[in-house]
Amino acid sequence: MLRDTLSQILGERADAELARTIKKTVCSFPDVSGAYDLVLHNYGPD
């Protein structure tokens, strides 16, 4: 528990599935041909 929590405080990579779905949403707009360089900063759960 302590290890997992410390890892979150240090900052973990964003959930891959969340990143993919966000990019899919961005690319759903007709004139957007690609979504890149997504950076997510976590400031607490969700």
PDB file of all heavy atoms in Angstrom:
ATOM      1  N   MET A   1       0.837  -1.206   0.000  1.00  0.00           N
ATOM      2  CA  MET A   1       0.000   0.000   0.000  1.00  0.00           C
ATOM      3  C   MET A   1       0.870   1.253   0.000  1.00  0.00           C
ATOM      4  O   MET A   1       0.610   2.206  -0.754  1.00  0.00           O
ATOM      5  CB  MET A   1      -0.894   0.021   1.237  1.00  0.00           C
ATOM      6  CG  MET A   1      -1.999  -1.009   1.265  1.00  0.00           C
ATOM      7  SD  MET A   1      -2.939  -0.868   2.808  1.00  0.00           S
ATOM      8  CE  MET A   1      -3.887  -2.385   2.774  1.00  0.00           C
ATOM      9  N   LEU A   2       1.896   1.248   0.851  1.00  0.00           N
ATOM     10  CA  LEU A   2       2.776   2.410   0.961  1.00  0.00           C
ATOM     11  C   LEU A   2       3.532   2.651  -0.333  1.00  0.00           C
ATOM     12  O   LEU A   2       3.656   3.790  -0.805  1.00  0.00           O
ATOM     13  CB  LEU A   2       3.756   2.184   2.117  1.00  0.00           C
ATOM     14  CG  LEU A   2       4.618   3.380   2.548  1.00  0.00           C
ATOM     15  CD1 LEU A   2       3.743   4.548   2.983  1.00  0.00           C
ATOM     16  CD2 LEU A   2       5.552   2.973   3.677  1.00  0.00           C
ATOM     17  N   ARG A   3       4.012   1.568  -0.942  1.00  0.00           N
ATOM     18  CA  ARG A   3       4.746   1.685  -2.203  1.00  0.00           C
ATOM     19  C   ARG A   3       3.864   2.268  -3.308  1.00  0.00           C
ATOM     20  O   ARG A   3       4.272   3.177  -4.043  1.00  0.00           O
ATOM     21  CB  ARG A   3       5.251   0.308  -2.619  1.00  0.00           C
ATOM     22  CG  ARG A   3       6.046   0.283  -3.928  1.00  0.00           C
ATOM     23  CD  ARG A   3       6.200  -1.128  -4.413  1.00  0.00           C
ATOM     24  NE  ARG A   3       4.888  -1.723  -4.695  1.00  0.00           N
ATOM     25  CZ  ARG A   3       4.668  -3.022  -4.753  1.00  0.00           C
ATOM     26  NH1 ARG A   3       5.636  -3.882  -4.515  1.00  0.00           N
ATOM     27  NH2 ARG A   3       3.448  -3.475  -5.027  1.00  0.00           N
ATOM     28  N   ASP A   4       2.639   1.758  -3.424  1.00  0.00           N
ATOM     29  CA  ASP A   4       1.731   2.237  -4.474  1.00  0.00           C
ATOM     30  C   ASP A   4       1.375   3.707  -4.278  1.00  0.00           C
ATOM     31  O   ASP A   4       1.304   4.475  -5.243  1.00  0.00           O
ATOM     32  CB  ASP A   4       0.454   1.395  -4.484  1.00  0.00           C
ATOM     33  CG  ASP A   4       0.710  -0.048  -4.911  1.00  0.00           C
ATOM     34  OD1 ASP A   4       1.775  -0.303  -5.489  1.00  0.00           O
ATOM     35  OD2 ASP A   4      -0.149  -0.904  -4.629  1.00  0.00           O
ATOM     36  N   THR A   5       1.137   4.101  -3.015  1.00  0.00           N
ATOM     37  CA  THR A   5       0.768   5.493  -2.747  1.00  0.00           C
ATOM     38  C   THR A   5       1.924   6.438  -3.013  1.00  0.00           C
ATOM     39  O   THR A   5       1.738   7.519  -3.587  1.00  0.00           O
ATOM     40  CB  THR A   5       0.287   5.639  -1.285  1.00  0.00           C
ATOM     41  OG1 THR A   5      -0.760   4.707  -1.037  1.00  0.00           O
ATOM     42  CG2 THR A   5      -0.238   7.042  -1.036  1.00  0.00           C
ATOM     43  N   LEU A   6       3.124   6.057  -2.613  1.00  0.00           N
ATOM     44  CA  LEU A   6       4.305   6.892  -2.872  1.00  0.00           C
ATOM     45  C   LEU A   6       4.539   7.045  -4.372  1.00  0.00           C
ATOM     46  O   LEU A   6       4.938   8.119  -4.842  1.00  0.00           O
ATOM     47  CB  LEU A   6       5.542   6.281  -2.204  1.00  0.00           C
ATOM     48  CG  LEU A   6       5.609   6.395  -0.679  1.00  0.00           C
ATOM     49  CD1 LEU A   6       6.814   5.620  -0.139  1.00  0.00           C
ATOM     50  CD2 LEU A   6       5.707   7.864  -0.252  1.00  0.00           C
ATOM     51  N   SER A   7       4.268   5.978  -5.114  1.00  0.00           N
ATOM     52  CA  SER A   7       4.420   6.041  -6.571  1.00  0.00           C
ATOM     53  C   SER A   7       3.462   7.067  -7.168  1.00  0.00           C
ATOM     54  O   SER A   7       3.821   7.818  -8.084  1.00  0.00           O
ATOM     55  CB  SER A   7       4.163   4.655  -7.170  1.00  0.00           C
ATOM     56  OG  SER A   7       4.258   4.692  -8.587  1.00  0.00           O
ATOM     57  N   GLN A   8       2.235   7.128  -6.644  1.00  0.00           N
ATOM     58  CA  GLN A   8       1.260   8.109  -7.131  1.00  0.00           C
ATOM     59  C   GLN A   8       1.672   9.530  -6.766  1.00  0.00           C
ATOM     60  O   GLN A   8       1.483  10.469  -7.551  1.00  0.00           O
ATOM     61  CB  GLN A   8      -0.118   7.792  -6.561  1.00  0.00           C
ATOM     62  CG  GLN A   8      -0.738   6.536  -7.137  1.00  0.00           C
ATOM     63  CD  GLN A   8      -2.047   6.173  -6.451  1.00  0.00           C
ATOM     64  OE1 GLN A   8      -2.196   6.355  -5.245  1.00  0.00           O
ATOM     65  NE2 GLN A   8      -2.995   5.649  -7.205  1.00  0.00           N
ATOM     66  N   ILE A   9       2.231   9.707  -5.571  1.00  0.00           N
ATOM     67  CA  ILE A   9       2.683  11.039  -5.165  1.00  0.00           C
ATOM     68  C   ILE A   9       3.827  11.511  -6.046  1.00  0.00           C
ATOM     69  O   ILE A   9       3.899  12.686  -6.444  1.00  0.00           O
ATOM     70  CB  ILE A   9       3.111  11.029  -3.682  1.00  0.00           C
ATOM     71  CG1 ILE A   9       1.885  10.815  -2.780  1.00  0.00           C
ATOM     72  CG2 ILE A   9       3.809  12.331  -3.298  1.00  0.00           C
ATOM     73  CD1 ILE A   9       2.223  10.648  -1.321  1.00  0.00           C
ATOM     74  N   LEU A  10       4.732  10.585  -6.402  1.00  0.00           N
ATOM     75  CA  LEU A  10       5.846  10.943  -7.273  1.00  0.00           C
ATOM     76  C   LEU A  10       5.360  11.311  -8.669  1.00  0.00           C
ATOM     77  O   LEU A  10       5.950  12.151  -9.342  1.00  0.00           O
ATOM     78  CB  LEU A  10       6.834   9.776  -7.363  1.00  0.00           C
ATOM     79  CG  LEU A  10       7.684   9.511  -6.116  1.00  0.00           C
ATOM     80  CD1 LEU A  10       8.503   8.234  -6.287  1.00  0.00           C
ATOM     81  CD2 LEU A  10       8.614  10.686  -5.851  1.00  0.00           C
ATOM     82  N   GLY A  11       4.276  10.685  -9.092  1.00  0.00           N
ATOM     83  CA  GLY A  11       3.714  10.964 -10.425  1.00  0.00           C
ATOM     84  C   GLY A  11       3.890   9.788 -11.354  1.00  0.00           C
ATOM     85  O   GLY A  11       5.018   9.439 -11.715  1.00  0.00           O
ATOM     86  N   GLU A  12       2.767   9.163 -11.727  1.00  0.00           N
ATOM     87  CA  GLU A  12       2.800   7.997 -12.598  1.00  0.00           C
ATOM     88  C   GLU A  12       2.321   8.363 -14.000  1.00  0.00           C
ATOM     89  O   GLU A  12       1.668   9.377 -14.204  1.00  0.00           O
ATOM     90  CB  GLU A  12       1.892   6.890 -12.031  1.00  0.00           C
ATOM     91  CG  GLU A  12       2.343   6.330 -10.698  1.00  0.00           C
ATOM     92  CD  GLU A  12       1.409   5.260 -10.178  1.00  0.00           C
ATOM     93  OE1 GLU A  12       0.202   5.323 -10.511  1.00  0.00           O
ATOM     94  OE2 GLU A  12       1.873   4.377  -9.446  1.00  0.00           O
ATOM     95  N   ARG A  13       2.681   7.500 -14.935  1.00  0.00           N
ATOM     96  CA  ARG A  13       2.172   7.653 -16.290  1.00  0.00           C
ATOM     97  C   ARG A  13       0.645   7.528 -16.270  1.00  0.00           C
ATOM     98  O   ARG A  13       0.091   6.707 -15.544  1.00  0.00           O
ATOM     99  CB  ARG A  13       2.762   6.568 -17.187  1.00  0.00           C
ATOM    100  CG  ARG A  13       2.289   6.627 -18.642  1.00  0.00           C
ATOM    101  CD  ARG A  13       2.743   5.400 -19.395  1.00  0.00           C
ATOM    102  NE  ARG A  13       4.186   5.324 -19.481  1.00  0.00           N
ATOM    103  CZ  ARG A  13       4.904   5.912 -20.419  1.00  0.00           C
ATOM    104  NH1 ARG A  13       4.314   6.624 -21.346  1.00  0.00           N
ATOM    105  NH2 ARG A  13       6.206   5.801 -20.438  1.00  0.00           N
ATOM    106  N   ALA A  14      -0.006   8.353 -17.050  1.00  0.00           N
ATOM    107  CA  ALA A  14      -1.468   8.299 -17.113  1.00  0.00           C
ATOM    108  C   ALA A  14      -1.914   6.944 -17.657  1.00  0.00           C
ATOM    109  O   ALA A  14      -1.193   6.283 -18.405  1.00  0.00           O
ATOM    110  CB  ALA A  14      -1.998   9.413 -18.001  1.00  0.00           C
ATOM    111  N   ASP A  15      -3.099   6.525 -17.248  1.00  0.00           N
ATOM    112  CA  ASP A  15      -3.652   5.266 -17.704  1.00  0.00           C
ATOM    113  C   ASP A  15      -3.715   5.241 -19.231  1.00  0.00           C
ATOM    114  O   ASP A  15      -4.243   6.163 -19.865  1.00  0.00           O
ATOM    115  CB  ASP A  15      -5.056   5.077 -17.119  1.00  0.00           C
ATOM    116  CG  ASP A  15      -5.701   3.791 -17.594  1.00  0.00           C
ATOM    117  OD1 ASP A  15      -5.224   2.721 -17.225  1.00  0.00           O
ATOM    118  OD2 ASP A  15      -6.683   3.888 -18.356  1.00  0.00           O
ATOM    119  N   ALA A  16      -3.150   4.182 -19.812  1.00  0.00           N
ATOM    120  CA  ALA A  16      -3.057   4.097 -21.274  1.00  0.00           C
ATOM    121  C   ALA A  16      -4.434   4.106 -21.935  1.00  0.00           C
ATOM    122  O   ALA A  16      -4.622   4.718 -22.991  1.00  0.00           O
ATOM    123  CB  ALA A  16      -2.282   2.841 -21.679  1.00  0.00           C
ATOM    124  N   GLU A  17      -5.390   3.439 -21.325  1.00  0.00           N
ATOM    125  CA  GLU A  17      -6.732   3.386 -21.895  1.00  0.00           C
ATOM    126  C   GLU A  17      -7.381   4.772 -21.881  1.00  0.00           C
ATOM    127  O   GLU A  17      -8.042   5.173 -22.842  1.00  0.00           O
ATOM    128  CB  GLU A  17      -7.592   2.385 -21.124  1.00  0.00           C
ATOM    129  CG  GLU A  17      -9.011   2.240 -21.659  1.00  0.00           C
ATOM    130  CD  GLU A  17      -9.054   1.744 -23.093  1.00  0.00           C
ATOM    131  OE1 GLU A  17      -8.094   1.069 -23.525  1.00  0.00           O
ATOM    132  OE2 GLU A  17     -10.043   2.026 -23.782  1.00  0.00           O
ATOM    133  N   LEU A  18      -7.196   5.513 -20.783  1.00  0.00           N
ATOM    134  CA  LEU A  18      -7.719   6.876 -20.706  1.00  0.00           C
ATOM    135  C   LEU A  18      -7.095   7.748 -21.790  1.00  0.00           C
ATOM    136  O   LEU A  18      -7.792   8.520 -22.469  1.00  0.00           O
ATOM    137  CB  LEU A  18      -7.431   7.480 -19.329  1.00  0.00           C
ATOM    138  CG  LEU A  18      -7.794   8.956 -19.138  1.00  0.00           C
ATOM    139  CD1 LEU A  18      -9.297   9.162 -19.303  1.00  0.00           C
ATOM    140  CD2 LEU A  18      -7.326   9.463 -17.779  1.00  0.00           C
ATOM    141  N   ALA A  19      -5.785   7.624 -21.965  1.00  0.00           N
ATOM    142  CA  ALA A  19      -5.106   8.418 -22.989  1.00  0.00           C
ATOM    143  C   ALA A  19      -5.628   8.101 -24.385  1.00  0.00           C
ATOM    144  O   ALA A  19      -5.869   9.004 -25.198  1.00  0.00           O
ATOM    145  CB  ALA A  19      -3.593   8.174 -22.920  1.00  0.00           C
ATOM    146  N   ARG A  20      -5.814   6.814 -24.660  1.00  0.00           N
ATOM    147  CA  ARG A  20      -6.302   6.424 -25.984  1.00  0.00           C
ATOM    148  C   ARG A  20      -7.714   6.949 -26.245  1.00  0.00           C
ATOM    149  O   ARG A  20      -8.028   7.425 -27.345  1.00  0.00           O
ATOM    150  CB  ARG A  20      -6.278   4.896 -26.115  1.00  0.00           C
ATOM    151  CG  ARG A  20      -4.924   4.314 -26.460  1.00  0.00           C
ATOM    152  CD  ARG A  20      -5.034   2.863 -26.883  1.00  0.00           C
ATOM    153  NE  ARG A  20      -5.392   2.009 -25.761  1.00  0.00           N
ATOM    154  CZ  ARG A  20      -4.521   1.434 -24.946  1.00  0.00           C
ATOM    155  NH1 ARG A  20      -3.230   1.632 -25.127  1.00  0.00           N
ATOM    156  NH2 ARG A  20      -4.922   0.652 -23.965  1.00  0.00           N
ATOM    157  N   THR A  21      -8.569   6.872 -25.236  1.00  0.00           N
ATOM    158  CA  THR A  21      -9.947   7.326 -25.439  1.00  0.00           C
ATOM    159  C   THR A  21     -10.019   8.847 -25.595  1.00  0.00           C
ATOM    160  O   THR A  21     -10.845   9.349 -26.357  1.00  0.00           O
ATOM    161  CB  THR A  21     -10.838   6.879 -24.270  1.00  0.00           C
ATOM    162  OG1 THR A  21     -10.279   7.335 -23.025  1.00  0.00           O
ATOM    163  CG2 THR A  21     -10.976   5.373 -24.242  1.00  0.00           C
ATOM    164  N   ILE A  22      -9.152   9.561 -24.883  1.00  0.00           N
ATOM    165  CA  ILE A  22      -9.115  11.021 -25.044  1.00  0.00           C
ATOM    166  C   ILE A  22      -8.686  11.377 -26.464  1.00  0.00           C
ATOM    167  O   ILE A  22      -9.294  12.227 -27.128  1.00  0.00           O
ATOM    168  CB  ILE A  22      -8.172  11.666 -24.014  1.00  0.00           C
ATOM    169  CG1 ILE A  22      -8.774  11.577 -22.600  1.00  0.00           C
ATOM    170  CG2 ILE A  22      -7.908  13.134 -24.366  1.00  0.00           C
ATOM    171  CD1 ILE A  22      -7.849  12.073 -21.518  1.00  0.00           C
ATOM    172  N   LYS A  23      -7.639  10.730 -26.940  1.00  0.00           N
ATOM    173  CA  LYS A  23      -7.168  11.003 -28.299  1.00  0.00           C
ATOM    174  C   LYS A  23      -8.234  10.643 -29.334  1.00  0.00           C
ATOM    175  O   LYS A  23      -8.401  11.338 -30.342  1.00  0.00           O
ATOM    176  CB  LYS A  23      -5.876  10.222 -28.575  1.00  0.00           C
ATOM    177  CG  LYS A  23      -4.665  10.737 -27.814  1.00  0.00           C
ATOM    178  CD  LYS A  23      -3.419   9.931 -28.161  1.00  0.00           C
ATOM    179  CE  LYS A  23      -2.198  10.472 -27.447  1.00  0.00           C
ATOM    180  NZ  LYS A  23      -0.979   9.699 -27.760  1.00  0.00           N
ATOM    181  N   LYS A  24      -8.955   9.552 -29.065  1.00  0.00           N
ATOM    182  CA  LYS A  24     -10.027   9.157 -29.985  1.00  0.00           C
ATOM    183  C   LYS A  24     -11.120  10.211 -30.025  1.00  0.00           C
ATOM    184  O   LYS A  24     -11.650  10.530 -31.102  1.00  0.00           O
ATOM    185  CB  LYS A  24     -10.611   7.807 -29.537  1.00  0.00           C
ATOM    186  CG  LYS A  24     -11.670   7.251 -30.465  1.00  0.00           C
ATOM    187  CD  LYS A  24     -12.167   5.888 -29.990  1.00  0.00           C
ATOM    188  CE  LYS A  24     -13.237   5.350 -30.924  1.00  0.00           C
ATOM    189  NZ  LYS A  24     -13.726   4.007 -30.476  1.00  0.00           N
ATOM    190  N   THR A  25     -11.439  10.778 -28.864  1.00  0.00           N
ATOM    191  CA  THR A  25     -12.445  11.842 -28.805  1.00  0.00           C
ATOM    192  C   THR A  25     -11.972  13.067 -29.570  1.00  0.00           C
ATOM    193  O   THR A  25     -12.733  13.680 -30.331  1.00  0.00           O
ATOM    194  CB  THR A  25     -12.733  12.227 -27.343  1.00  0.00           C
ATOM    195  OG1 THR A  25     -13.261  11.081 -26.658  1.00  0.00           O
ATOM    196  CG2 THR A  25     -13.731  13.369 -27.264  1.00  0.00           C
ATOM    197  N   VAL A  26     -10.714  13.443 -29.385  1.00  0.00           N
ATOM    198  CA  VAL A  26     -10.155  14.615 -30.079  1.00  0.00           C
ATOM    199  C   VAL A  26     -10.193  14.401 -31.581  1.00  0.00           C
ATOM    200  O   VAL A  26     -10.549  15.304 -32.352  1.00  0.00           O
ATOM    201  CB  VAL A  26      -8.712  14.877 -29.596  1.00  0.00           C
ATOM    202  CG1 VAL A  26      -8.065  15.977 -30.435  1.00  0.00           C
ATOM    203  CG2 VAL A  26      -8.694  15.277 -28.118  1.00  0.00           C
ATOM    204  N   CYS A  27      -9.835  13.191 -32.015  1.00  0.00           N
ATOM    205  CA  CYS A  27      -9.788  12.905 -33.453  1.00  0.00           C
ATOM    206  C   CYS A  27     -11.170  12.676 -34.065  1.00  0.00           C
ATOM    207  O   CYS A  27     -11.279  12.499 -35.284  1.00  0.00           O
ATOM    208  CB  CYS A  27      -8.911  11.681 -33.714  1.00  0.00           C
ATOM    209  SG  CYS A  27      -7.158  11.946 -33.389  1.00  0.00           S
ATOM    210  N   SER A  28     -12.213  12.672 -33.219  1.00  0.00           N
ATOM    211  CA  SER A  28     -13.564  12.487 -33.748  1.00  0.00           C
ATOM    212  C   SER A  28     -14.059  13.722 -34.492  1.00  0.00           C
ATOM    213  O   SER A  28     -15.036  13.647 -35.237  1.00  0.00           O
ATOM    214  CB  SER A  28     -14.531  12.149 -32.610  1.00  0.00           C
ATOM    215  OG  SER A  28     -14.689  13.251 -31.719  1.00  0.00           O
ATOM    216  N   PHE A  29     -13.384  14.851 -34.313  1.00  0.00           N
ATOM    217  CA  PHE A  29     -13.752  16.062 -35.055  1.00  0.00           C
ATOM    218  C   PHE A  29     -13.242  15.936 -36.487  1.00  0.00           C
ATOM    219  O   PHE A  29     -12.082  15.545 -36.711  1.00  0.00           O
ATOM    220  CB  PHE A  29     -13.158  17.294 -34.369  1.00  0.00           C
ATOM    221  CG  PHE A  29     -13.831  17.627 -33.066  1.00  0.00           C
ATOM    222  CD1 PHE A  29     -13.470  16.983 -31.888  1.00  0.00           C
ATOM    223  CD2 PHE A  29     -14.837  18.579 -33.008  1.00  0.00           C
ATOM    224  CE1 PHE A  29     -14.092  17.275 -30.683  1.00  0.00           C
ATOM    225  CE2 PHE A  29     -15.470  18.879 -31.818  1.00  0.00           C
ATOM    226  CZ  PHE A  29     -15.102  18.222 -30.654  1.00  0.00           C
ATOM    227  N   PRO A  30     -14.073  16.255 -37.472  1.00  0.00           N
ATOM    228  CA  PRO A  30     -13.769  15.963 -38.883  1.00  0.00           C
ATOM    229  C   PRO A  30     -12.418  16.462 -39.376  1.00  0.00           C
ATOM    230  O   PRO A  30     -11.744  15.749 -40.119  1.00  0.00           O
ATOM    231  CB  PRO A  30     -14.922  16.656 -39.630  1.00  0.00           C
ATOM    232  CG  PRO A  30     -16.032  16.709 -38.636  1.00  0.00           C
ATOM    233  CD  PRO A  30     -15.384  16.891 -37.306  1.00  0.00           C
ATOM    234  N   ASP A  31     -12.004  17.658 -38.988  1.00  0.00           N
ATOM    235  CA  ASP A  31     -10.785  18.228 -39.549  1.00  0.00           C
ATOM    236  C   ASP A  31      -9.540  17.950 -38.719  1.00  0.00           C
ATOM    237  O   ASP A  31      -8.458  18.441 -39.041  1.00  0.00           O
ATOM    238  CB  ASP A  31     -10.950  19.751 -39.719  1.00  0.00           C
ATOM    239  CG  ASP A  31     -11.912  20.087 -40.851  1.00  0.00           C
ATOM    240  OD1 ASP A  31     -11.951  19.326 -41.836  1.00  0.00           O
ATOM    241  OD2 ASP A  31     -12.629  21.096 -40.735  1.00  0.00           O
ATOM    242  N   VAL A  32      -9.668  17.164 -37.643  1.00  0.00           N
ATOM    243  CA  VAL A  32      -8.505  16.808 -36.828  1.00  0.00           C
ATOM    244  C   VAL A  32      -7.957  15.479 -37.340  1.00  0.00           C
ATOM    245  O   VAL A  32      -8.589  14.433 -37.199  1.00  0.00           O
ATOM    246  CB  VAL A  32      -8.876  16.687 -35.333  1.00  0.00           C
ATOM    247  CG1 VAL A  32      -7.664  16.246 -34.522  1.00  0.00           C
ATOM    248  CG2 VAL A  32      -9.408  18.015 -34.820  1.00  0.00           C
ATOM    249  N   SER A  33      -6.779  15.503 -37.950  1.00  0.00           N
ATOM    250  CA  SER A  33      -6.212  14.291 -38.543  1.00  0.00           C
ATOM    251  C   SER A  33      -5.321  13.528 -37.577  1.00  0.00           C
ATOM    252  O   SER A  33      -4.893  12.408 -37.877  1.00  0.00           O
ATOM    253  CB  SER A  33      -5.401  14.658 -39.798  1.00  0.00           C
ATOM    254  OG  SER A  33      -4.386  15.596 -39.488  1.00  0.00           O
ATOM    255  N   GLY A  34      -5.030  14.118 -36.411  1.00  0.00           N
ATOM    256  CA  GLY A  34      -4.195  13.413 -35.441  1.00  0.00           C
ATOM    257  C   GLY A  34      -4.148  14.147 -34.114  1.00  0.00           C
ATOM    258  O   GLY A  34      -4.303  15.376 -34.071  1.00  0.00           O
ATOM    259  N   ALA A  35      -3.952  13.393 -33.025  1.00  0.00           N
ATOM    260  CA  ALA A  35      -3.790  13.978 -31.693  1.00  0.00           C
ATOM    261  C   ALA A  35      -2.511  13.410 -31.085  1.00  0.00           C
ATOM    262  O   ALA A  35      -2.342  12.187 -31.013  1.00  0.00           O
ATOM    263  CB  ALA A  35      -5.004  13.663 -30.820  1.00  0.00           C
ATOM    264  N   TYR A  36      -1.619  14.292 -30.634  1.00  0.00           N
ATOM    265  CA  TYR A  36      -0.306  13.856 -30.179  1.00  0.00           C
ATOM    266  C   TYR A  36       0.111  14.632 -28.922  1.00  0.00           C
ATOM    267  O   TYR A  36      -0.527  15.607 -28.532  1.00  0.00           O
ATOM    268  CB  TYR A  36       0.735  14.086 -31.279  1.00  0.00           C
ATOM    269  CG  TYR A  36       0.343  13.518 -32.618  1.00  0.00           C
ATOM    270  CD1 TYR A  36      -0.207  14.335 -33.606  1.00  0.00           C
ATOM    271  CD2 TYR A  36       0.497  12.163 -32.893  1.00  0.00           C
ATOM    272  CE1 TYR A  36      -0.579  13.816 -34.839  1.00  0.00           C
ATOM    273  CE2 TYR A  36       0.128  11.631 -34.120  1.00  0.00           C
ATOM    274  CZ  TYR A  36      -0.405  12.463 -35.093  1.00  0.00           C
ATOM    275  OH  TYR A  36      -0.773  11.945 -36.300  1.00  0.00           O
ATOM    276  N   ASP A  37       1.212  14.158 -28.325  1.00  0.00           N
ATOM    277  CA  ASP A  37       1.840  14.861 -27.193  1.00  0.00           C
ATOM    278  C   ASP A  37       0.862  15.092 -26.043  1.00  0.00           C
ATOM    279  O   ASP A  37       0.881  16.147 -25.395  1.00  0.00           O
ATOM    280  CB  ASP A  37       2.417  16.216 -27.645  1.00  0.00           C
ATOM    281  CG  ASP A  37       3.347  16.082 -28.832  1.00  0.00           C
ATOM    282  OD1 ASP A  37       4.037  15.060 -28.912  1.00  0.00           O
ATOM    283  OD2 ASP A  37       3.372  17.000 -29.679  1.00  0.00           O
ATOM    284  N   LEU A  38      -0.005  14.121 -25.801  1.00  0.00           N
ATOM    285  CA  LEU A  38      -0.957  14.269 -24.699  1.00  0.00           C
ATOM    286  C   LEU A  38      -0.216  14.184 -23.372  1.00  0.00           C
ATOM    287  O   LEU A  38       0.459  13.194 -23.090  1.00  0.00           O
ATOM    288  CB  LEU A  38      -2.030  13.183 -24.767  1.00  0.00           C
ATOM    289  CG  LEU A  38      -3.048  13.169 -23.619  1.00  0.00           C
ATOM    290  CD1 LEU A  38      -3.885  14.448 -23.636  1.00  0.00           C
ATOM    291  CD2 LEU A  38      -3.948  11.944 -23.714  1.00  0.00           C
ATOM    292  N   VAL A  39      -0.350  15.210 -22.563  1.00  0.00           N
ATOM    293  CA  VAL A  39       0.253  15.239 -21.228  1.00  0.00           C
ATOM    294  C   VAL A  39      -0.863  15.445 -20.215  1.00  0.00           C
ATOM    295  O   VAL A  39      -1.651  16.394 -20.331  1.00  0.00           O
ATOM    296  CB  VAL A  39       1.292  16.377 -21.098  1.00  0.00           C
ATOM    297  CG1 VAL A  39       1.869  16.404 -19.681  1.00  0.00           C
ATOM    298  CG2 VAL A  39       2.408  16.204 -22.117  1.00  0.00           C
ATOM    299  N   LEU A  40      -0.958  14.542 -19.234  1.00  0.00           N
ATOM    300  CA  LEU A  40      -1.983  14.634 -18.208  1.00  0.00           C
ATOM    301  C   LEU A  40      -1.324  14.818 -16.844  1.00  0.00           C
ATOM    302  O   LEU A  40      -0.464  14.030 -16.452  1.00  0.00           O
ATOM    303  CB  LEU A  40      -2.843  13.364 -18.192  1.00  0.00           C
ATOM    304  CG  LEU A  40      -3.663  13.093 -19.450  1.00  0.00           C
ATOM    305  CD1 LEU A  40      -4.371  11.750 -19.347  1.00  0.00           C
ATOM    306  CD2 LEU A  40      -4.667  14.206 -19.704  1.00  0.00           C
ATOM    307  N   HIS A  41      -1.721  15.867 -16.153  1.00  0.00           N
ATOM    308  CA  HIS A  41      -1.202  16.153 -14.815  1.00  0.00           C
ATOM    309  C   HIS A  41      -2.281  15.806 -13.795  1.00  0.00           C
ATOM    310  O   HIS A  41      -3.401  16.315 -13.863  1.00  0.00           O
ATOM    311  CB  HIS A  41      -0.821  17.625 -14.683  1.00  0.00           C
ATOM    312  CG  HIS A  41       0.220  18.067 -15.662  1.00  0.00           C
ATOM    313  ND1 HIS A  41       1.544  17.740 -15.508  1.00  0.00           N
ATOM    314  CD2 HIS A  41       0.134  18.788 -16.804  1.00  0.00           C
ATOM    315  CE1 HIS A  41       2.241  18.248 -16.522  1.00  0.00           C
ATOM    316  NE2 HIS A  41       1.405  18.886 -17.315  1.00  0.00           N
ATOM    317  N   ASN A  42      -1.931  14.917 -12.867  1.00  0.00           N
ATOM    318  CA  ASN A  42      -2.890  14.453 -11.867  1.00  0.00           C
ATOM    319  C   ASN A  42      -2.805  15.318 -10.612  1.00  0.00           C
ATOM    320  O   ASN A  42      -1.738  15.474 -10.025  1.00  0.00           O
ATOM    321  CB  ASN A  42      -2.588  12.993 -11.524  1.00  0.00           C
ATOM    322  CG  ASN A  42      -3.520  12.445 -10.474  1.00  0.00           C
ATOM    323  OD1 ASN A  42      -3.210  12.509  -9.293  1.00  0.00           O
ATOM    324  ND2 ASN A  42      -4.649  11.919 -10.893  1.00  0.00           N
ATOM    325  N   TYR A  43      -3.946  15.879 -10.206  1.00  0.00           N
ATOM    326  CA  TYR A  43      -4.000  16.709  -8.999  1.00  0.00           C
ATOM    327  C   TYR A  43      -4.948  16.103  -7.963  1.00  0.00           C
ATOM    328  O   TYR A  43      -5.588  16.809  -7.204  1.00  0.00           O
ATOM    329  CB  TYR A  43      -4.433  18.133  -9.354  1.00  0.00           C
ATOM    330  CG  TYR A  43      -3.392  18.862 -10.167  1.00  0.00           C
ATOM    331  CD1 TYR A  43      -3.490  18.916 -11.557  1.00  0.00           C
ATOM    332  CD2 TYR A  43      -2.288  19.447  -9.559  1.00  0.00           C
ATOM    333  CE1 TYR A  43      -2.522  19.550 -12.317  1.00  0.00           C
ATOM    334  CE2 TYR A  43      -1.318  20.085 -10.311  1.00  0.00           C
ATOM    335  CZ  TYR A  43      -1.432  20.134 -11.686  1.00  0.00           C
ATOM    336  OH  TYR A  43      -0.469  20.757 -12.443  1.00  0.00           O
ATOM    337  N   GLY A  44      -5.002  14.780  -7.952  1.00  0.00           N
ATOM    338  CA  GLY A  44      -5.884  14.063  -7.048  1.00  0.00           C
ATOM    339  C   GLY A  44      -6.660  13.035  -7.849  1.00  0.00           C
ATOM    340  O   GLY A  44      -6.669  13.068  -9.091  1.00  0.00           O
ATOM    341  N   PRO A  45      -7.302  12.069  -7.170  1.00  0.00           N
ATOM    342  CA  PRO A  45      -8.064  11.041  -7.883  1.00  0.00           C
ATOM    343  C   PRO A  45      -9.108  11.637  -8.824  1.00  0.00           C
ATOM    344  O   PRO A  45      -9.888  12.498  -8.433  1.00  0.00           O
ATOM    345  CB  PRO A  45      -8.730  10.264  -6.733  1.00  0.00           C
ATOM    346  CG  PRO A  45      -7.834  10.495  -5.558  1.00  0.00           C
ATOM    347  CD  PRO A  45      -7.316  11.888  -5.718  1.00  0.00           C
ATOM    348  N   ASP A  46      -9.081  11.197 -10.064  1.00  0.00           N
ATOM    349  CA  ASP A  46     -10.044  11.646 -11.087  1.00  0.00           C
ATOM    350  C   ASP A  46      -9.977  13.145 -11.335  1.00  0.00           C
ATOM    351  O   ASP A  46     -10.965  13.757 -11.772  1.00  0.00           O
ATOM    352  CB  ASP A  46     -11.482  11.258 -10.689  1.00  0.00           C
ATOM    353  CG  ASP A  46     -11.693   9.761 -10.705  1.00  0.00           C
ATOM    354  OD1 ASP A  46     -11.003   9.091 -11.474  1.00  0.00           O
ATOM    355  OD2 ASP A  46     -12.535   9.276  -9.937  1.00  0.00           O
TER     356      ASP A  46
END
